[in-house]
N, C-alpha and C. Protein backbone atom coordinates (compact mmCIF):
# COMPACT_ATOMS: atom_id res chain seq x y z
N UNK A 1 -95.64 -31.29 -17.50
CA UNK A 1 -95.69 -31.76 -18.31
C UNK A 1 -96.35 -32.47 -18.96
N UNK A 2 -97.31 -32.03 -20.30
CA UNK A 2 -98.42 -33.11 -20.78
C UNK A 2 -98.47 -34.60 -20.76
N UNK A 3 -99.46 -35.41 -20.60
CA UNK A 3 -99.34 -36.97 -20.64
C UNK A 3 -98.55 -37.33 -22.49
N UNK A 4 -97.37 -38.24 -21.98
CA UNK A 4 -97.42 -39.15 -23.69
C UNK A 4 -98.62 -39.53 -23.76
N UNK A 5 -98.29 -40.32 -24.69
CA UNK A 5 -99.68 -41.36 -25.03
C UNK A 5 -98.92 -42.25 -25.60
N UNK A 6 -98.49 -43.93 -24.98
CA UNK A 6 -97.56 -44.38 -26.17
C UNK A 6 -98.73 -45.67 -27.14
N UNK A 7 -99.69 -46.27 -26.38
CA UNK A 7 -100.16 -47.24 -26.87
C UNK A 7 -102.41 -46.35 -26.94
N UNK A 8 -102.57 -46.32 -27.91
CA UNK A 8 -103.94 -46.00 -27.90
C UNK A 8 -104.90 -46.48 -28.10
N UNK A 9 -105.79 -46.68 -27.48
CA UNK A 9 -106.66 -48.34 -28.51
C UNK A 9 -108.42 -47.49 -28.92
N UNK A 10 -107.99 -47.71 -30.02
CA UNK A 10 -109.67 -46.79 -30.66
C UNK A 10 -110.57 -47.58 -31.23
N UNK A 11 -112.15 -47.70 -30.60
CA UNK A 11 -112.52 -48.64 -30.75
C UNK A 11 -113.56 -48.57 -31.78
N UNK A 12 -113.78 -49.43 -32.47
CA UNK A 12 -114.50 -48.99 -33.87
C UNK A 12 -115.42 -49.96 -34.36
N UNK A 13 -116.64 -49.75 -34.55
CA UNK A 13 -117.55 -50.13 -34.54
C UNK A 13 -118.70 -50.16 -36.24
N UNK A 14 -117.63 -50.01 -37.68
CA UNK A 14 -118.06 -49.21 -37.68
C UNK A 14 -119.91 -47.63 -38.10
N UNK A 15 -120.06 -47.55 -37.35
CA UNK A 15 -120.83 -46.61 -37.37
C UNK A 15 -119.65 -44.42 -36.72
N UNK A 16 -121.10 -43.49 -37.02
CA UNK A 16 -120.31 -42.76 -37.89
C UNK A 16 -119.50 -42.27 -36.19
N UNK A 17 -119.93 -42.39 -35.01
CA UNK A 17 -119.62 -41.77 -34.07
C UNK A 17 -118.09 -42.69 -34.27
N UNK A 18 -117.61 -43.79 -34.17
CA UNK A 18 -116.31 -44.49 -34.55
C UNK A 18 -115.46 -43.87 -35.64
N UNK A 19 -116.05 -43.22 -36.50
CA UNK A 19 -115.12 -43.00 -37.40
C UNK A 19 -114.55 -41.54 -37.26
N UNK A 20 -114.88 -41.24 -35.95
CA UNK A 20 -114.63 -39.91 -35.75
C UNK A 20 -113.34 -39.75 -35.27
N UNK A 21 -114.43 -41.01 -33.76
CA UNK A 21 -112.90 -41.47 -32.94
C UNK A 21 -111.94 -41.94 -33.84
N UNK A 22 -112.18 -42.50 -34.61
CA UNK A 22 -110.91 -43.75 -35.68
C UNK A 22 -109.84 -41.63 -36.17
N UNK A 23 -110.74 -41.35 -36.96
CA UNK A 23 -109.40 -39.97 -36.70
C UNK A 23 -108.91 -38.87 -35.85
N UNK A 24 -110.29 -39.33 -34.53
CA UNK A 24 -108.84 -38.51 -33.67
C UNK A 24 -107.79 -39.22 -33.17
N UNK A 25 -107.86 -40.49 -33.13
CA UNK A 25 -107.04 -40.73 -32.91
C UNK A 25 -105.81 -40.93 -33.77
N UNK A 26 -105.69 -40.65 -35.33
CA UNK A 26 -104.47 -40.37 -35.70
C UNK A 26 -104.08 -38.88 -35.60
N UNK A 27 -105.07 -37.76 -35.12
CA UNK A 27 -103.99 -36.98 -34.86
C UNK A 27 -103.29 -37.11 -32.63
N UNK A 28 -103.65 -38.10 -31.71
CA UNK A 28 -103.04 -37.57 -30.97
C UNK A 28 -101.92 -39.04 -31.44
N UNK A 29 -101.60 -39.63 -32.07
CA UNK A 29 -100.91 -40.44 -32.78
C UNK A 29 -99.63 -39.69 -33.00
N UNK A 30 -100.26 -38.78 -34.10
CA UNK A 30 -99.32 -37.94 -34.39
C UNK A 30 -98.65 -36.83 -33.69
N UNK A 31 -99.56 -35.97 -32.04
CA UNK A 31 -99.04 -35.61 -31.29
C UNK A 31 -98.05 -36.39 -30.32
N UNK A 32 -98.09 -38.05 -30.07
CA UNK A 32 -97.32 -38.58 -29.35
C UNK A 32 -96.12 -39.52 -29.85
N UNK A 33 -95.24 -39.06 -30.46
CA UNK A 33 -94.22 -40.21 -31.20
C UNK A 33 -93.46 -40.82 -30.78
N UNK A 34 -93.87 -42.35 -31.60
CA UNK A 34 -93.46 -43.74 -31.86
C UNK A 34 -94.65 -44.77 -31.10
N UNK A 35 -95.86 -43.74 -30.44
CA UNK A 35 -97.02 -44.65 -30.38
C UNK A 35 -97.12 -45.29 -31.20
N UNK A 36 -98.40 -46.45 -31.12
CA UNK A 36 -99.68 -47.10 -31.49
C UNK A 36 -100.75 -46.88 -31.61
N UNK A 37 -101.11 -46.99 -32.36
CA UNK A 37 -102.70 -47.08 -32.87
C UNK A 37 -103.46 -48.53 -32.50
N UNK A 38 -104.12 -49.18 -32.13
CA UNK A 38 -104.71 -49.49 -31.91
C UNK A 38 -106.08 -50.25 -32.18
N UNK A 39 -106.40 -49.94 -33.03
CA UNK A 39 -107.41 -50.83 -33.44
C UNK A 39 -108.31 -51.70 -32.98
N UNK A 40 -110.06 -51.70 -32.04
CA UNK A 40 -110.58 -53.17 -32.20
C UNK A 40 -111.27 -52.87 -32.20
N UNK A 41 -112.12 -53.64 -32.43
CA UNK A 41 -113.95 -54.21 -33.53
C UNK A 41 -114.01 -55.31 -32.06
N UNK A 42 -114.81 -55.31 -30.93
CA UNK A 42 -115.21 -56.41 -30.68
C UNK A 42 -116.75 -56.42 -31.25
N UNK A 43 -116.94 -57.98 -31.74
CA UNK A 43 -117.81 -58.26 -32.47
C UNK A 43 -118.86 -59.17 -31.72
N UNK A 44 -120.27 -58.12 -30.90
CA UNK A 44 -120.72 -58.32 -29.94
C UNK A 44 -122.25 -60.24 -30.40
N UNK A 45 -121.47 -61.13 -29.77
CA UNK A 45 -121.76 -62.77 -30.05
C UNK A 45 -123.38 -62.87 -29.36
N UNK A 46 -123.24 -61.40 -28.87
CA UNK A 46 -124.90 -61.43 -28.64
C UNK A 46 -126.02 -61.03 -29.34
N UNK A 47 -125.84 -60.67 -30.64
CA UNK A 47 -126.73 -60.04 -31.27
C UNK A 47 -127.28 -61.51 -32.52
N UNK A 48 -126.54 -62.36 -32.21
CA UNK A 48 -126.46 -63.58 -32.77
C UNK A 48 -126.47 -65.15 -32.64
N UNK A 49 -126.98 -65.87 -32.93
CA UNK A 49 -127.17 -67.12 -32.46
C UNK A 49 -126.10 -67.89 -32.68
N UNK A 50 -124.77 -68.80 -31.98
CA UNK A 50 -123.27 -68.69 -32.02
C UNK A 50 -123.36 -69.59 -32.92
N UNK A 51 -124.80 -70.60 -33.27
CA UNK A 51 -124.80 -72.08 -34.11
C UNK A 51 -125.01 -71.41 -36.30
N UNK A 52 -125.41 -70.25 -35.92
CA UNK A 52 -125.19 -69.87 -36.93
C UNK A 52 -124.17 -69.36 -37.29
N UNK A 53 -123.36 -69.82 -38.01
CA UNK A 53 -122.31 -70.34 -38.88
C UNK A 53 -122.06 -69.11 -40.33
N UNK A 54 -123.11 -68.72 -40.57
CA UNK A 54 -123.51 -67.89 -42.30
C UNK A 54 -122.83 -66.23 -41.38
N UNK A 55 -123.43 -66.12 -40.04
CA UNK A 55 -123.86 -64.93 -39.57
C UNK A 55 -122.87 -64.56 -39.15
N UNK A 56 -121.72 -65.39 -38.52
CA UNK A 56 -120.16 -64.94 -38.38
C UNK A 56 -119.78 -65.46 -38.66
N UNK A 57 -119.72 -66.17 -40.28
CA UNK A 57 -118.54 -65.53 -41.12
C UNK A 57 -118.65 -63.80 -41.27
N UNK A 58 -119.69 -63.63 -41.68
CA UNK A 58 -120.10 -62.48 -42.47
C UNK A 58 -119.37 -61.17 -41.23
N UNK A 59 -119.72 -61.25 -40.43
CA UNK A 59 -119.53 -60.51 -38.99
C UNK A 59 -118.52 -59.98 -39.36
N UNK A 60 -117.84 -60.84 -39.62
CA UNK A 60 -116.25 -61.97 -39.44
C UNK A 60 -115.35 -60.24 -39.98
N UNK A 61 -115.58 -61.37 -41.90
CA UNK A 61 -115.59 -60.25 -42.97
C UNK A 61 -115.99 -58.34 -42.52
N UNK A 62 -116.54 -58.82 -42.31
CA UNK A 62 -116.98 -57.20 -42.15
C UNK A 62 -116.09 -56.66 -41.42
N UNK A 63 -116.07 -56.95 -40.34
CA UNK A 63 -115.02 -56.80 -39.46
C UNK A 63 -113.44 -56.00 -40.09
N UNK A 64 -112.36 -57.94 -40.26
CA UNK A 64 -111.34 -57.47 -41.35
C UNK A 64 -111.15 -56.74 -42.57
N UNK A 65 -112.87 -56.05 -42.57
CA UNK A 65 -112.37 -54.84 -44.25
C UNK A 65 -112.79 -53.71 -43.50
N UNK A 66 -113.26 -54.29 -42.27
CA UNK A 66 -113.36 -51.97 -41.36
C UNK A 66 -112.11 -52.16 -41.05
N UNK A 67 -111.50 -53.05 -40.25
CA UNK A 67 -109.84 -52.48 -39.61
C UNK A 67 -109.01 -52.72 -41.05
N UNK A 68 -109.33 -53.04 -42.01
CA UNK A 68 -108.26 -53.12 -42.43
C UNK A 68 -107.74 -51.56 -43.72
N UNK A 69 -109.64 -51.10 -44.01
CA UNK A 69 -109.86 -49.98 -43.79
C UNK A 69 -109.21 -49.19 -43.50
N UNK A 70 -109.27 -49.09 -42.15
CA UNK A 70 -109.06 -48.11 -41.19
C UNK A 70 -107.35 -47.91 -41.35
N UNK A 71 -106.48 -49.52 -40.91
CA UNK A 71 -105.08 -48.78 -40.72
C UNK A 71 -104.26 -48.83 -41.90
N UNK A 72 -104.86 -48.93 -43.23
CA UNK A 72 -104.37 -48.63 -44.21
C UNK A 72 -104.70 -47.00 -44.33
N UNK A 73 -105.81 -45.95 -44.21
CA UNK A 73 -105.83 -44.37 -43.44
C UNK A 73 -104.91 -44.38 -42.96
N UNK A 74 -104.21 -45.25 -41.76
CA UNK A 74 -103.74 -44.93 -40.69
C UNK A 74 -102.80 -44.41 -40.99
N UNK A 75 -102.09 -45.45 -41.05
CA UNK A 75 -100.90 -45.14 -42.24
C UNK A 75 -100.09 -44.26 -43.52
N UNK A 76 -102.03 -44.31 -44.49
CA UNK A 76 -101.79 -43.10 -45.85
C UNK A 76 -101.48 -41.76 -44.90
N UNK A 77 -101.60 -41.44 -43.33
CA UNK A 77 -101.75 -40.53 -43.12
C UNK A 77 -100.62 -40.07 -41.91
N UNK A 78 -99.72 -40.90 -41.84
CA UNK A 78 -98.43 -41.50 -41.51
C UNK A 78 -97.40 -41.85 -40.37
N UNK A 79 -99.32 -42.64 -39.88
CA UNK A 79 -99.04 -43.42 -38.34
C UNK A 79 -98.02 -44.54 -39.24
N UNK A 80 -96.83 -44.44 -38.33
CA UNK A 80 -96.07 -46.17 -39.20
C UNK A 80 -96.87 -46.70 -37.63
N UNK A 81 -97.04 -47.16 -36.16
CA UNK A 81 -97.40 -48.02 -35.50
C UNK A 81 -98.51 -48.27 -35.69
N UNK A 82 -99.15 -49.34 -36.26
CA UNK A 82 -100.55 -49.17 -36.61
C UNK A 82 -101.10 -50.68 -35.92
N UNK A 83 -101.80 -50.89 -35.48
CA UNK A 83 -102.14 -53.05 -34.89
C UNK A 83 -103.77 -53.26 -35.12
N UNK A 84 -104.21 -54.15 -35.05
CA UNK A 84 -105.27 -54.14 -35.64
C UNK A 84 -106.23 -55.99 -34.33
N UNK A 85 -107.39 -55.22 -34.00
CA UNK A 85 -108.02 -56.84 -33.38
C UNK A 85 -109.36 -57.36 -33.19
N UNK A 86 -109.78 -58.00 -33.79
CA UNK A 86 -110.85 -58.21 -33.64
C UNK A 86 -111.52 -59.88 -31.82
N UNK A 87 -112.29 -59.01 -31.26
CA UNK A 87 -112.30 -59.51 -30.44
C UNK A 87 -113.71 -59.50 -30.51
N UNK A 88 -114.45 -61.44 -29.66
CA UNK A 88 -116.06 -62.01 -29.61
C UNK A 88 -116.35 -61.73 -28.09
N UNK A 89 -117.07 -60.79 -28.23
CA UNK A 89 -118.24 -61.33 -26.67
C UNK A 89 -119.43 -59.86 -26.65
N UNK A 90 -119.00 -59.01 -25.55
CA UNK A 90 -119.63 -57.95 -25.33
C UNK A 90 -118.50 -56.62 -25.00
N UNK A 91 -118.91 -55.45 -26.66
CA UNK A 91 -117.97 -54.49 -26.71
C UNK A 91 -117.85 -53.84 -24.89
N UNK A 92 -119.55 -54.00 -24.28
CA UNK A 92 -118.98 -52.77 -22.53
C UNK A 92 -118.09 -53.52 -21.72
N UNK A 93 -118.19 -54.71 -22.08
CA UNK A 93 -116.28 -55.10 -21.19
C UNK A 93 -115.52 -55.95 -21.70
N UNK A 94 -115.53 -56.23 -22.33
CA UNK A 94 -114.60 -56.44 -24.14
C UNK A 94 -113.59 -55.82 -23.33
N UNK A 95 -113.72 -54.47 -24.07
CA UNK A 95 -112.92 -52.89 -24.32
C UNK A 95 -111.70 -53.03 -23.49
N UNK A 96 -112.60 -52.57 -22.23
CA UNK A 96 -111.74 -52.65 -20.34
C UNK A 96 -111.47 -53.40 -19.82
N UNK A 97 -111.77 -55.19 -19.54
CA UNK A 97 -110.79 -55.45 -19.23
C UNK A 97 -110.48 -56.67 -19.89
N UNK A 98 -110.48 -56.62 -20.63
CA UNK A 98 -109.25 -57.58 -21.38
C UNK A 98 -108.83 -57.22 -22.61
N UNK A 99 -108.87 -55.55 -23.92
CA UNK A 99 -108.39 -55.04 -24.57
C UNK A 99 -107.56 -54.10 -24.25
N UNK A 100 -107.90 -53.36 -22.91
CA UNK A 100 -106.59 -52.60 -22.87
C UNK A 100 -105.77 -53.55 -21.49
N UNK A 101 -105.91 -53.84 -21.29
CA UNK A 101 -104.90 -55.10 -20.72
C UNK A 101 -104.08 -55.36 -21.85
N UNK A 102 -104.40 -56.48 -23.14
CA UNK A 102 -103.34 -57.07 -23.88
C UNK A 102 -103.13 -56.12 -24.45
N UNK A 103 -102.81 -54.56 -24.27
CA UNK A 103 -102.42 -53.25 -25.50
C UNK A 103 -101.77 -52.56 -24.39
N UNK A 104 -101.94 -52.46 -22.92
CA UNK A 104 -101.02 -51.71 -22.19
C UNK A 104 -101.41 -50.19 -22.91
N UNK A 105 -103.24 -50.58 -23.04
CA UNK A 105 -103.70 -48.98 -23.58
C UNK A 105 -103.39 -47.98 -22.32
N UNK A 106 -103.13 -46.40 -22.46
CA UNK A 106 -102.78 -45.55 -21.86
C UNK A 106 -103.49 -45.05 -22.23
N UNK A 107 -104.64 -44.79 -22.94
CA UNK A 107 -105.75 -44.18 -23.27
C UNK A 107 -106.40 -45.32 -24.34
N UNK A 108 -108.06 -44.39 -24.25
CA UNK A 108 -109.13 -45.05 -25.11
C UNK A 108 -110.07 -44.22 -25.16
N UNK A 109 -110.00 -44.54 -26.89
CA UNK A 109 -110.92 -43.65 -27.43
C UNK A 109 -111.86 -43.70 -28.14
N UNK A 110 -112.98 -42.91 -28.18
CA UNK A 110 -114.61 -44.40 -28.17
C UNK A 110 -116.00 -42.94 -29.34
N UNK A 111 -116.36 -42.99 -29.68
CA UNK A 111 -116.67 -42.38 -30.21
C UNK A 111 -118.50 -41.96 -29.34
N UNK A 112 -119.12 -41.51 -29.48
CA UNK A 112 -120.17 -41.13 -27.64
C UNK A 112 -121.28 -41.93 -27.89
N UNK A 113 -121.31 -41.79 -29.29
CA UNK A 113 -122.33 -43.40 -28.70
C UNK A 113 -122.50 -43.81 -29.87
N UNK A 114 -123.17 -44.92 -31.17
CA UNK A 114 -122.44 -46.22 -31.46
C UNK A 114 -124.27 -46.94 -31.64
N UNK A 115 -125.51 -47.19 -30.89
CA UNK A 115 -126.28 -46.91 -30.29
C UNK A 115 -127.96 -46.52 -30.12
N UNK A 116 -128.75 -46.45 -31.04
CA UNK A 116 -129.87 -45.98 -31.01
C UNK A 116 -130.52 -45.52 -29.36
N UNK A 117 -130.99 -44.74 -28.97
CA UNK A 117 -131.91 -44.16 -27.89
C UNK A 117 -132.43 -44.70 -27.65
N UNK A 118 -133.11 -46.09 -28.14
CA UNK A 118 -133.86 -47.39 -27.44
C UNK A 118 -132.98 -48.27 -26.46
N UNK A 119 -131.66 -48.38 -27.27
CA UNK A 119 -131.24 -49.49 -26.42
C UNK A 119 -130.92 -48.70 -25.01
N UNK A 120 -130.79 -47.39 -25.77
CA UNK A 120 -128.99 -46.62 -24.94
C UNK A 120 -129.74 -46.61 -23.79
N UNK A 121 -131.20 -45.96 -23.28
CA UNK A 121 -132.05 -45.76 -21.72
C UNK A 121 -131.92 -47.55 -21.50
N UNK A 122 -131.65 -48.43 -22.40
CA UNK A 122 -131.98 -49.57 -21.49
C UNK A 122 -131.10 -50.78 -20.66
N UNK A 123 -129.77 -50.41 -21.74
CA UNK A 123 -129.07 -51.17 -21.70
C UNK A 123 -127.73 -49.43 -21.37
N UNK A 124 -127.99 -48.84 -21.64
CA UNK A 124 -126.41 -47.60 -20.96
C UNK A 124 -126.04 -47.65 -21.87
N UNK A 125 -124.44 -46.73 -22.92
CA UNK A 125 -124.24 -46.91 -23.74
C UNK A 125 -122.96 -47.60 -24.00
N UNK A 126 -121.76 -48.62 -25.12
CA UNK A 126 -120.46 -48.50 -24.44
C UNK A 126 -119.64 -47.87 -24.48
N UNK A 127 -119.82 -46.64 -24.37
CA UNK A 127 -118.61 -44.96 -24.39
C UNK A 127 -118.85 -44.94 -22.89
N UNK A 128 -119.76 -45.21 -22.29
CA UNK A 128 -120.68 -44.93 -20.15
C UNK A 128 -119.93 -46.02 -19.71
N UNK A 129 -119.95 -47.67 -20.83
CA UNK A 129 -119.48 -48.11 -19.85
C UNK A 129 -117.89 -47.92 -20.29
N UNK A 130 -117.38 -48.13 -20.76
CA UNK A 130 -116.19 -47.65 -20.79
C UNK A 130 -115.16 -46.53 -19.25
N UNK A 131 -116.04 -45.25 -19.98
CA UNK A 131 -115.51 -44.31 -18.78
C UNK A 131 -115.58 -44.95 -17.72
N UNK A 132 -117.28 -46.29 -17.12
CA UNK A 132 -116.60 -45.98 -16.00
C UNK A 132 -115.40 -47.57 -15.34
N UNK A 133 -115.49 -48.22 -15.50
CA UNK A 133 -114.19 -48.99 -15.92
C UNK A 133 -113.10 -48.86 -16.29
N UNK A 134 -112.32 -48.07 -17.35
CA UNK A 134 -111.93 -47.87 -17.91
C UNK A 134 -110.17 -47.75 -16.76
N UNK A 135 -109.43 -47.79 -16.78
CA UNK A 135 -108.05 -47.84 -16.01
C UNK A 135 -107.22 -46.28 -15.89
N UNK A 136 -107.70 -46.32 -17.91
CA UNK A 136 -106.60 -45.20 -18.56
C UNK A 136 -107.22 -43.63 -18.57
N UNK A 137 -106.58 -42.74 -19.25
CA UNK A 137 -107.72 -42.59 -19.78
C UNK A 137 -108.66 -42.39 -21.24
N UNK A 138 -110.04 -41.85 -20.99
CA UNK A 138 -110.86 -41.97 -21.78
C UNK A 138 -111.21 -40.33 -22.10
N UNK A 139 -110.97 -40.99 -23.57
CA UNK A 139 -110.71 -39.39 -24.44
C UNK A 139 -113.00 -39.90 -25.09
N UNK A 140 -113.60 -39.47 -24.83
CA UNK A 140 -114.86 -39.46 -26.00
C UNK A 140 -115.20 -38.85 -27.13
N UNK A 141 -115.70 -39.37 -28.32
CA UNK A 141 -115.61 -38.13 -28.97
C UNK A 141 -116.90 -37.68 -29.45
N UNK A 142 -117.58 -36.50 -29.70
CA UNK A 142 -118.63 -35.83 -29.93
C UNK A 142 -118.75 -35.98 -31.31
N UNK A 143 -119.94 -36.91 -32.31
CA UNK A 143 -120.09 -36.28 -33.26
C UNK A 143 -120.18 -34.94 -34.03
N UNK A 144 -120.06 -33.86 -34.91
CA UNK A 144 -120.74 -33.12 -35.25
C UNK A 144 -122.00 -33.30 -35.49
N UNK A 145 -122.78 -31.91 -34.88
CA UNK A 145 -123.95 -31.84 -35.91
C UNK A 145 -124.07 -31.93 -36.86
């Protein structure tokens, strides 16, 4: 008996990799009747100074546009239950420690990378961190070359 996923969490960040992860989340949701797609974006607060309100505001606006756009696409594709969440902090820890619990995720879908090779070498990728610390199934999407 194949797993039935009810709460799918897809992590997006505006990258090409995240785009593929999002598309896959639609496929999975359609195969799992009654499931919910939770589209999440974590604004990485370490990447800008907290006191710079203009950058903060722009990041928030960009994040809202990104999620609204994805929500509309999912609904146009026939997925009825779509939730959106924007959080602030470190994507590596927020996704598995907080967001997955909040939405009671039984599947996390993410792109294979989303940061450049130098950063990945230094800090490891978000997808690696998710795979290591998630308490549920994780589907890491490879971007076709």
